[in-house]
Amino acid sequence: MIIDRHVTGKVLKVLSKVKLPSVYVEPVSSDEEESSEIVRLEPLMIPPAERKGCFAEVELCPSENAALTEARRCLRCDLDFTQSLTFSGN
C-alpha cells in the first residue's frame, strides 16, 4: 500500500504525536514465579533426522500450561517502559 501511494504520488498520512499511557497498571500478583524471572518459551521441534524427507510441521505446539505462562510473560512486556514514565493523569 505504501509503495502504491509512493508510485502514484499520493500523499501519505502523517501520524500526530504518539499518545503514551496516562495510567500505570500494576501487574496482577500470583503465586507463580515473578514475571521478570520467567524465560521466553523455546518451541519444541521435530528432530532433524525425522524432518528429512517429509513435510510435517517442524515446530510442535506448546502445552496449555506452557502457552499460558508465555502469554503472562508476554503481556507484561510494557512493564519496564511504563514504570519509567511519569503519569500526568491526562
PDB file of N, CA and C in Angstrom:
ATOM      1  N   MET A   1       0.818  -1.182   0.000  1.00  0.00           N
ATOM      2  CA  MET A   1       0.000   0.000   0.000  1.00  0.00           C
ATOM      3  C   MET A   1       0.870   1.257   0.000  1.00  0.00           C
ATOM      4  N   ILE A   2       1.911   1.244   0.808  1.00  0.00           N
ATOM      5  CA  ILE A   2       2.794   2.405   0.876  1.00  0.00           C
ATOM      6  C   ILE A   2       3.527   2.581  -0.452  1.00  0.00           C
ATOM      7  N   ILE A   3       3.979   1.478  -1.040  1.00  0.00           N
ATOM      8  CA  ILE A   3       4.677   1.554  -2.325  1.00  0.00           C
ATOM      9  C   ILE A   3       3.731   2.105  -3.392  1.00  0.00           C
ATOM     10  N   ASP A   4       2.484   1.635  -3.399  1.00  0.00           N
ATOM     11  CA  ASP A   4       1.491   2.114  -4.360  1.00  0.00           C
ATOM     12  C   ASP A   4       1.279   3.617  -4.215  1.00  0.00           C
ATOM     13  N   ARG A   5       1.168   4.091  -2.993  1.00  0.00           N
ATOM     14  CA  ARG A   5       0.975   5.534  -2.771  1.00  0.00           C
ATOM     15  C   ARG A   5       2.200   6.325  -3.235  1.00  0.00           C
ATOM     16  N   HIS A   6       3.377   5.792  -3.003  1.00  0.00           N
ATOM     17  CA  HIS A   6       4.596   6.473  -3.424  1.00  0.00           C
ATOM     18  C   HIS A   6       4.675   6.537  -4.949  1.00  0.00           C
ATOM     19  N   VAL A   7       4.407   5.417  -5.613  1.00  0.00           N
ATOM     20  CA  VAL A   7       4.499   5.350  -7.071  1.00  0.00           C
ATOM     21  C   VAL A   7       3.445   6.240  -7.731  1.00  0.00           C
ATOM     22  N   THR A   8       2.233   6.246  -7.187  1.00  0.00           N
ATOM     23  CA  THR A   8       1.161   7.049  -7.785  1.00  0.00           C
ATOM     24  C   THR A   8       1.198   8.508  -7.343  1.00  0.00           C
ATOM     25  N   GLY A   9       2.088   8.841  -6.410  1.00  0.00           N
ATOM     26  CA  GLY A   9       2.229  10.224  -5.987  1.00  0.00           C
ATOM     27  C   GLY A   9       1.214  10.679  -4.960  1.00  0.00           C
ATOM     28  N   LYS A  10       0.485   9.749  -4.364  1.00  0.00           N
ATOM     29  CA  LYS A  10      -0.490  10.113  -3.332  1.00  0.00           C
ATOM     30  C   LYS A  10       0.238  10.456  -2.040  1.00  0.00           C
ATOM     31  N   VAL A  11      -0.333  11.377  -1.291  1.00  0.00           N
ATOM     32  CA  VAL A  11       0.276  11.818  -0.038  1.00  0.00           C
ATOM     33  C   VAL A  11       0.034  10.769   1.045  1.00  0.00           C
ATOM     34  N   LEU A  12       1.088  10.452   1.770  1.00  0.00           N
ATOM     35  CA  LEU A  12       0.953   9.549   2.899  1.00  0.00           C
ATOM     36  C   LEU A  12       0.468  10.318   4.113  1.00  0.00           C
ATOM     37  N   LYS A  13      -0.407   9.689   4.880  1.00  0.00           N
ATOM     38  CA  LYS A  13      -0.918  10.319   6.091  1.00  0.00           C
ATOM     39  C   LYS A  13       0.182  10.324   7.138  1.00  0.00           C
ATOM     40  N   VAL A  14       0.450  11.479   7.710  1.00  0.00           N
ATOM     41  CA  VAL A  14       1.451  11.603   8.754  1.00  0.00           C
ATOM     42  C   VAL A  14       0.720  11.554  10.087  1.00  0.00           C
ATOM     43  N   LEU A  15       1.133  10.625  10.934  1.00  0.00           N
ATOM     44  CA  LEU A  15       0.505  10.498  12.239  1.00  0.00           C
ATOM     45  C   LEU A  15       0.991  11.586  13.180  1.00  0.00           C
ATOM     46  N   SER A  16       0.089  12.036  14.011  1.00  0.00           N
ATOM     47  CA  SER A  16       0.467  13.032  15.009  1.00  0.00           C
ATOM     48  C   SER A  16       1.271  12.355  16.111  1.00  0.00           C
ATOM     49  N   LYS A  17       1.620  13.114  17.111  1.00  0.00           N
ATOM     50  CA  LYS A  17       2.424  12.603  18.214  1.00  0.00           C
ATOM     51  C   LYS A  17       1.746  11.383  18.844  1.00  0.00           C
ATOM     52  N   VAL A  18       2.556  10.382  19.181  1.00  0.00           N
ATOM     53  CA  VAL A  18       2.040   9.166  19.802  1.00  0.00           C
ATOM     54  C   VAL A  18       1.577   9.477  21.215  1.00  0.00           C
ATOM     55  N   LYS A  19       0.381   9.024  21.556  1.00  0.00           N
ATOM     56  CA  LYS A  19      -0.154   9.254  22.897  1.00  0.00           C
ATOM     57  C   LYS A  19       0.284   8.105  23.803  1.00  0.00           C
ATOM     58  N   LEU A  20       1.029   8.432  24.833  1.00  0.00           N
ATOM     59  CA  LEU A  20       1.510   7.434  25.777  1.00  0.00           C
ATOM     60  C   LEU A  20       0.447   7.162  26.835  1.00  0.00           C
ATOM     61  N   PRO A  21       0.525   6.011  27.506  1.00  0.00           N
ATOM     62  CA  PRO A  21      -0.463   5.713  28.539  1.00  0.00           C
ATOM     63  C   PRO A  21      -0.400   6.740  29.659  1.00  0.00           C
ATOM     64  N   SER A  22      -1.549   7.020  30.253  1.00  0.00           N
ATOM     65  CA  SER A  22      -1.590   8.011  31.327  1.00  0.00           C
ATOM     66  C   SER A  22      -1.748   7.363  32.696  1.00  0.00           C
ATOM     67  N   VAL A  23      -1.928   6.061  32.723  1.00  0.00           N
ATOM     68  CA  VAL A  23      -2.123   5.345  33.978  1.00  0.00           C
ATOM     69  C   VAL A  23      -1.233   4.112  33.980  1.00  0.00           C
ATOM     70  N   TYR A  24      -0.591   3.872  35.105  1.00  0.00           N
ATOM     71  CA  TYR A  24       0.211   2.653  35.249  1.00  0.00           C
ATOM     72  C   TYR A  24      -0.636   1.595  35.938  1.00  0.00           C
ATOM     73  N   VAL A  25      -0.713   0.425  35.338  1.00  0.00           N
ATOM     74  CA  VAL A  25      -1.472  -0.680  35.911  1.00  0.00           C
ATOM     75  C   VAL A  25      -0.483  -1.683  36.474  1.00  0.00           C
ATOM     76  N   GLU A  26      -0.560  -1.904  37.787  1.00  0.00           N
ATOM     77  CA  GLU A  26       0.324  -2.868  38.433  1.00  0.00           C
ATOM     78  C   GLU A  26       0.017  -4.264  37.921  1.00  0.00           C
ATOM     79  N   PRO A  27       1.034  -5.093  37.734  1.00  0.00           N
ATOM     80  CA  PRO A  27       0.776  -6.468  37.307  1.00  0.00           C
ATOM     81  C   PRO A  27       0.034  -7.224  38.402  1.00  0.00           C
ATOM     82  N   VAL A  28      -0.774  -8.178  37.984  1.00  0.00           N
ATOM     83  CA  VAL A  28      -1.510  -8.993  38.934  1.00  0.00           C
ATOM     84  C   VAL A  28      -0.525  -9.911  39.637  1.00  0.00           C
ATOM     85  N   SER A  29      -0.576  -9.922  40.966  1.00  0.00           N
ATOM     86  CA  SER A  29       0.331 -10.802  41.690  1.00  0.00           C
ATOM     87  C   SER A  29      -0.224 -12.216  41.674  1.00  0.00           C
ATOM     88  N   SER A  30       0.676 -13.164  41.612  1.00  0.00           N
ATOM     89  CA  SER A  30       0.270 -14.562  41.599  1.00  0.00           C
ATOM     90  C   SER A  30       1.242 -15.371  42.431  1.00  0.00           C
ATOM     91  N   ASP A  31       0.887 -16.612  42.671  1.00  0.00           N
ATOM     92  CA  ASP A  31       1.748 -17.491  43.449  1.00  0.00           C
ATOM     93  C   ASP A  31       2.888 -18.048  42.609  1.00  0.00           C
ATOM     94  N   GLU A  32       2.811 -17.839  41.288  1.00  0.00           N
ATOM     95  CA  GLU A  32       3.848 -18.355  40.403  1.00  0.00           C
ATOM     96  C   GLU A  32       5.086 -17.469  40.473  1.00  0.00           C
ATOM     97  N   GLU A  33       6.099 -17.836  39.690  1.00  0.00           N
ATOM     98  CA  GLU A  33       7.348 -17.073  39.649  1.00  0.00           C
ATOM     99  C   GLU A  33       7.075 -15.626  39.257  1.00  0.00           C
ATOM    100  N   GLU A  34       7.987 -14.750  39.636  1.00  0.00           N
ATOM    101  CA  GLU A  34       7.893 -13.363  39.205  1.00  0.00           C
ATOM    102  C   GLU A  34       8.019 -13.316  37.687  1.00  0.00           C
ATOM    103  N   SER A  35       7.271 -12.422  37.039  1.00  0.00           N
ATOM    104  CA  SER A  35       7.300 -12.362  35.578  1.00  0.00           C
ATOM    105  C   SER A  35       8.677 -12.016  35.038  1.00  0.00           C
ATOM    106  N   SER A  36       9.500 -11.305  35.807  1.00  0.00           N
ATOM    107  CA  SER A  36      10.840 -10.969  35.333  1.00  0.00           C
ATOM    108  C   SER A  36      11.754 -12.193  35.323  1.00  0.00           C
ATOM    109  N   GLU A  37      11.402 -13.237  36.091  1.00  0.00           N
ATOM    110  CA  GLU A  37      12.215 -14.434  36.143  1.00  0.00           C
ATOM    111  C   GLU A  37      11.787 -15.476  35.121  1.00  0.00           C
ATOM    112  N   ILE A  38      10.646 -15.281  34.483  1.00  0.00           N
ATOM    113  CA  ILE A  38      10.151 -16.248  33.518  1.00  0.00           C
ATOM    114  C   ILE A  38      10.900 -16.041  32.206  1.00  0.00           C
ATOM    115  N   VAL A  39      11.494 -17.102  31.696  1.00  0.00           N
ATOM    116  CA  VAL A  39      12.237 -17.009  30.444  1.00  0.00           C
ATOM    117  C   VAL A  39      11.309 -17.269  29.266  1.00  0.00           C
ATOM    118  N   ARG A  40      11.681 -16.786  28.119  1.00  0.00           N
ATOM    119  CA  ARG A  40      10.889 -16.956  26.911  1.00  0.00           C
ATOM    120  C   ARG A  40      10.777 -18.428  26.546  1.00  0.00           C
ATOM    121  N   LEU A  41       9.610 -18.818  26.094  1.00  0.00           N
ATOM    122  CA  LEU A  41       9.340 -20.196  25.724  1.00  0.00           C
ATOM    123  C   LEU A  41      10.135 -20.577  24.474  1.00  0.00           C
ATOM    124  N   GLU A  42      10.878 -21.655  24.563  1.00  0.00           N
ATOM    125  CA  GLU A  42      11.579 -22.196  23.403  1.00  0.00           C
ATOM    126  C   GLU A  42      10.689 -23.279  22.806  1.00  0.00           C
ATOM    127  N   PRO A  43      10.298 -23.151  21.538  1.00  0.00           N
ATOM    128  CA  PRO A  43       9.380 -24.135  20.949  1.00  0.00           C
ATOM    129  C   PRO A  43      10.021 -25.514  20.810  1.00  0.00           C
ATOM    130  N   LEU A  44       9.195 -26.526  21.026  1.00  0.00           N
ATOM    131  CA  LEU A  44       9.653 -27.899  20.797  1.00  0.00           C
ATOM    132  C   LEU A  44       9.714 -28.136  19.296  1.00  0.00           C
ATOM    133  N   MET A  45      10.720 -28.882  18.848  1.00  0.00           N
ATOM    134  CA  MET A  45      10.877 -29.122  17.417  1.00  0.00           C
ATOM    135  C   MET A  45      11.091 -30.597  17.133  1.00  0.00           C
ATOM    136  N   ILE A  46      10.682 -31.001  15.938  1.00  0.00           N
ATOM    137  CA  ILE A  46      10.923 -32.366  15.482  1.00  0.00           C
ATOM    138  C   ILE A  46      12.427 -32.502  15.235  1.00  0.00           C
ATOM    139  N   PRO A  47      13.037 -33.597  15.671  1.00  0.00           N
ATOM    140  CA  PRO A  47      14.475 -33.792  15.442  1.00  0.00           C
ATOM    141  C   PRO A  47      14.808 -33.743  13.944  1.00  0.00           C
ATOM    142  N   PRO A  48      15.989 -33.228  13.594  1.00  0.00           N
ATOM    143  CA  PRO A  48      16.377 -33.110  12.184  1.00  0.00           C
ATOM    144  C   PRO A  48      16.279 -34.411  11.388  1.00  0.00           C
ATOM    145  N   ALA A  49      16.591 -35.528  12.014  1.00  0.00           N
ATOM    146  CA  ALA A  49      16.534 -36.809  11.292  1.00  0.00           C
ATOM    147  C   ALA A  49      15.106 -37.129  10.849  1.00  0.00           C
ATOM    148  N   GLU A  50      14.113 -36.746  11.663  1.00  0.00           N
ATOM    149  CA  GLU A  50      12.716 -37.007  11.316  1.00  0.00           C
ATOM    150  C   GLU A  50      12.190 -36.012  10.274  1.00  0.00           C
ATOM    151  N   ARG A  51      12.809 -34.832  10.194  1.00  0.00           N
ATOM    152  CA  ARG A  51      12.371 -33.807   9.235  1.00  0.00           C
ATOM    153  C   ARG A  51      12.718 -34.179   7.799  1.00  0.00           C
ATOM    154  N   LYS A  52      13.817 -34.909   7.641  1.00  0.00           N
ATOM    155  CA  LYS A  52      14.322 -35.218   6.310  1.00  0.00           C
ATOM    156  C   LYS A  52      13.311 -36.068   5.543  1.00  0.00           C
ATOM    157  N   GLY A  53      12.932 -35.585   4.389  1.00  0.00           N
ATOM    158  CA  GLY A  53      12.044 -36.345   3.524  1.00  0.00           C
ATOM    159  C   GLY A  53      10.575 -36.273   3.868  1.00  0.00           C
ATOM    160  N   CYS A  54      10.167 -35.306   4.695  1.00  0.00           N
ATOM    161  CA  CYS A  54       8.734 -35.168   4.995  1.00  0.00           C
ATOM    162  C   CYS A  54       8.353 -33.695   5.041  1.00  0.00           C
ATOM    163  N   PHE A  55       7.073 -33.446   5.025  1.00  0.00           N
ATOM    164  CA  PHE A  55       6.579 -32.078   5.052  1.00  0.00           C
ATOM    165  C   PHE A  55       5.810 -31.787   6.341  1.00  0.00           C
ATOM    166  N   ALA A  56       6.122 -32.507   7.398  1.00  0.00           N
ATOM    167  CA  ALA A  56       5.458 -32.306   8.688  1.00  0.00           C
ATOM    168  C   ALA A  56       5.891 -30.964   9.284  1.00  0.00           C
ATOM    169  N   GLU A  57       5.040 -30.418  10.156  1.00  0.00           N
ATOM    170  CA  GLU A  57       5.385 -29.183  10.864  1.00  0.00           C
ATOM    171  C   GLU A  57       6.642 -29.425  11.685  1.00  0.00           C
ATOM    172  N   VAL A  58       7.570 -28.498  11.639  1.00  0.00           N
ATOM    173  CA  VAL A  58       8.820 -28.633  12.386  1.00  0.00           C
ATOM    174  C   VAL A  58       8.608 -28.226  13.837  1.00  0.00           C
ATOM    175  N   GLU A  59       7.927 -27.091  14.044  1.00  0.00           N
ATOM    176  CA  GLU A  59       7.641 -26.637  15.403  1.00  0.00           C
ATOM    177  C   GLU A  59       6.391 -27.323  15.915  1.00  0.00           C
ATOM    178  N   LEU A  60       6.492 -27.856  17.127  1.00  0.00           N
ATOM    179  CA  LEU A  60       5.353 -28.511  17.756  1.00  0.00           C
ATOM    180  C   LEU A  60       4.618 -27.519  18.650  1.00  0.00           C
ATOM    181  N   CYS A  61       3.368 -27.777  18.926  1.00  0.00           N
ATOM    182  CA  CYS A  61       2.559 -26.905  19.782  1.00  0.00           C
ATOM    183  C   CYS A  61       3.004 -27.026  21.235  1.00  0.00           C
ATOM    184  N   PRO A  62       3.026 -25.906  21.959  1.00  0.00           N
ATOM    185  CA  PRO A  62       3.357 -25.989  23.385  1.00  0.00           C
ATOM    186  C   PRO A  62       2.176 -26.566  24.160  1.00  0.00           C
ATOM    187  N   SER A  63       2.456 -27.016  25.371  1.00  0.00           N
ATOM    188  CA  SER A  63       1.380 -27.494  26.237  1.00  0.00           C
ATOM    189  C   SER A  63       0.525 -26.290  26.652  1.00  0.00           C
ATOM    190  N   GLU A  64      -0.655 -26.565  27.153  1.00  0.00           N
ATOM    191  CA  GLU A  64      -1.542 -25.473  27.584  1.00  0.00           C
ATOM    192  C   GLU A  64      -0.887 -24.650  28.686  1.00  0.00           C
ATOM    193  N   ASN A  65      -0.252 -25.313  29.639  1.00  0.00           N
ATOM    194  CA  ASN A  65       0.396 -24.611  30.739  1.00  0.00           C
ATOM    195  C   ASN A  65       1.551 -23.743  30.232  1.00  0.00           C
ATOM    196  N   ALA A  66       2.347 -24.269  29.303  1.00  0.00           N
ATOM    197  CA  ALA A  66       3.465 -23.505  28.743  1.00  0.00           C
ATOM    198  C   ALA A  66       2.957 -22.293  27.964  1.00  0.00           C
ATOM    199  N   ALA A  67       1.865 -22.460  27.221  1.00  0.00           N
ATOM    200  CA  ALA A  67       1.294 -21.344  26.460  1.00  0.00           C
ATOM    201  C   ALA A  67       0.761 -20.265  27.393  1.00  0.00           C
ATOM    202  N   LEU A  68       0.105 -20.650  28.481  1.00  0.00           N
ATOM    203  CA  LEU A  68      -0.411 -19.667  29.442  1.00  0.00           C
ATOM    204  C   LEU A  68       0.722 -18.915  30.132  1.00  0.00           C
ATOM    205  N   THR A  69       1.785 -19.627  30.477  1.00  0.00           N
ATOM    206  CA  THR A  69       2.946 -18.990  31.101  1.00  0.00           C
ATOM    207  C   THR A  69       3.579 -17.983  30.147  1.00  0.00           C
ATOM    208  N   GLU A  70       3.716 -18.358  28.883  1.00  0.00           N
ATOM    209  CA  GLU A  70       4.293 -17.456  27.880  1.00  0.00           C
ATOM    210  C   GLU A  70       3.399 -16.239  27.675  1.00  0.00           C
ATOM    211  N   ALA A  71       2.100 -16.441  27.667  1.00  0.00           N
ATOM    212  CA  ALA A  71       1.168 -15.319  27.492  1.00  0.00           C
ATOM    213  C   ALA A  71       1.271 -14.343  28.654  1.00  0.00           C
ATOM    214  N   ARG A  72       1.377 -14.858  29.873  1.00  0.00           N
ATOM    215  CA  ARG A  72       1.512 -13.968  31.041  1.00  0.00           C
ATOM    216  C   ARG A  72       2.807 -13.172  30.957  1.00  0.00           C
ATOM    217  N   ARG A  73       3.883 -13.825  30.535  1.00  0.00           N
ATOM    218  CA  ARG A  73       5.170 -13.135  30.408  1.00  0.00           C
ATOM    219  C   ARG A  73       5.098 -12.070  29.321  1.00  0.00           C
ATOM    220  N   CYS A  74       4.519 -12.441  28.201  1.00  0.00           N
ATOM    221  CA  CYS A  74       4.481 -11.560  27.044  1.00  0.00           C
ATOM    222  C   CYS A  74       3.575 -10.354  27.260  1.00  0.00           C
ATOM    223  N   LEU A  75       2.471 -10.534  27.965  1.00  0.00           N
ATOM    224  CA  LEU A  75       1.533  -9.434  28.163  1.00  0.00           C
ATOM    225  C   LEU A  75       2.098  -8.326  29.025  1.00  0.00           C
ATOM    226  N   ARG A  76       3.163  -8.568  29.743  1.00  0.00           N
ATOM    227  CA  ARG A  76       3.753  -7.535  30.582  1.00  0.00           C
ATOM    228  C   ARG A  76       5.060  -7.009  30.012  1.00  0.00           C
ATOM    229  N   CYS A  77       5.232  -7.093  28.693  1.00  0.00           N
ATOM    230  CA  CYS A  77       6.465  -6.599  28.090  1.00  0.00           C
ATOM    231  C   CYS A  77       6.574  -5.083  28.215  1.00  0.00           C
ATOM    232  N   ASP A  78       5.467  -4.420  28.504  1.00  0.00           N
ATOM    233  CA  ASP A  78       5.464  -2.964  28.654  1.00  0.00           C
ATOM    234  C   ASP A  78       5.923  -2.525  30.031  1.00  0.00           C
ATOM    235  N   LEU A  79       6.135  -3.441  30.939  1.00  0.00           N
ATOM    236  CA  LEU A  79       6.371  -3.107  32.333  1.00  0.00           C
ATOM    237  C   LEU A  79       7.556  -2.170  32.527  1.00  0.00           C
ATOM    238  N   ASP A  80       8.709  -2.485  31.953  1.00  0.00           N
ATOM    239  CA  ASP A  80       9.888  -1.639  32.122  1.00  0.00           C
ATOM    240  C   ASP A  80       9.648  -0.253  31.543  1.00  0.00           C
ATOM    241  N   PHE A  81       8.972  -0.190  30.401  1.00  0.00           N
ATOM    242  CA  PHE A  81       8.723   1.095  29.746  1.00  0.00           C
ATOM    243  C   PHE A  81       7.759   1.952  30.552  1.00  0.00           C
ATOM    244  N   THR A  82       6.646   1.361  30.981  1.00  0.00           N
ATOM    245  CA  THR A  82       5.620   2.168  31.647  1.00  0.00           C
ATOM    246  C   THR A  82       5.993   2.532  33.071  1.00  0.00           C
ATOM    247  N   GLN A  83       6.846   1.759  33.726  1.00  0.00           N
ATOM    248  CA  GLN A  83       7.271   2.110  35.081  1.00  0.00           C
ATOM    249  C   GLN A  83       8.104   3.375  35.084  1.00  0.00           C
ATOM    250  N   SER A  84       8.831   3.604  33.997  1.00  0.00           N
ATOM    251  CA  SER A  84       9.734   4.751  33.956  1.00  0.00           C
ATOM    252  C   SER A  84       9.029   6.048  33.583  1.00  0.00           C
ATOM    253  N   LEU A  85       7.763   5.949  33.139  1.00  0.00           N
ATOM    254  CA  LEU A  85       7.031   7.159  32.758  1.00  0.00           C
ATOM    255  C   LEU A  85       6.514   7.900  33.979  1.00  0.00           C
ATOM    256  N   THR A  86       6.400   9.199  33.854  1.00  0.00           N
ATOM    257  CA  THR A  86       5.729   9.994  34.862  1.00  0.00           C
ATOM    258  C   THR A  86       4.329  10.241  34.366  1.00  0.00           C
ATOM    259  N   PHE A  87       3.349   9.767  35.104  1.00  0.00           N
ATOM    260  CA  PHE A  87       1.973   9.876  34.656  1.00  0.00           C
ATOM    261  C   PHE A  87       1.378  11.194  35.111  1.00  0.00           C
ATOM    262  N   SER A  88       0.790  11.885  34.136  1.00  0.00           N
ATOM    263  CA  SER A  88       0.236  13.212  34.415  1.00  0.00           C
ATOM    264  C   SER A  88      -1.267  13.183  34.615  1.00  0.00           C
ATOM    265  N   GLY A  89      -1.909  12.034  34.345  1.00  0.00           N
ATOM    266  CA  GLY A  89      -3.352  11.937  34.533  1.00  0.00           C
ATOM    267  C   GLY A  89      -4.130  12.517  33.390  1.00  0.00           C
ATOM    268  N   ASN A  90      -3.509  12.687  32.193  1.00  0.00           N
ATOM    269  CA  ASN A  90      -4.204  13.246  31.021  1.00  0.00           C
ATOM    270  C   ASN A  90      -5.241  12.303  30.515  1.00  0.00           C
TER     271      ASN A  90
END
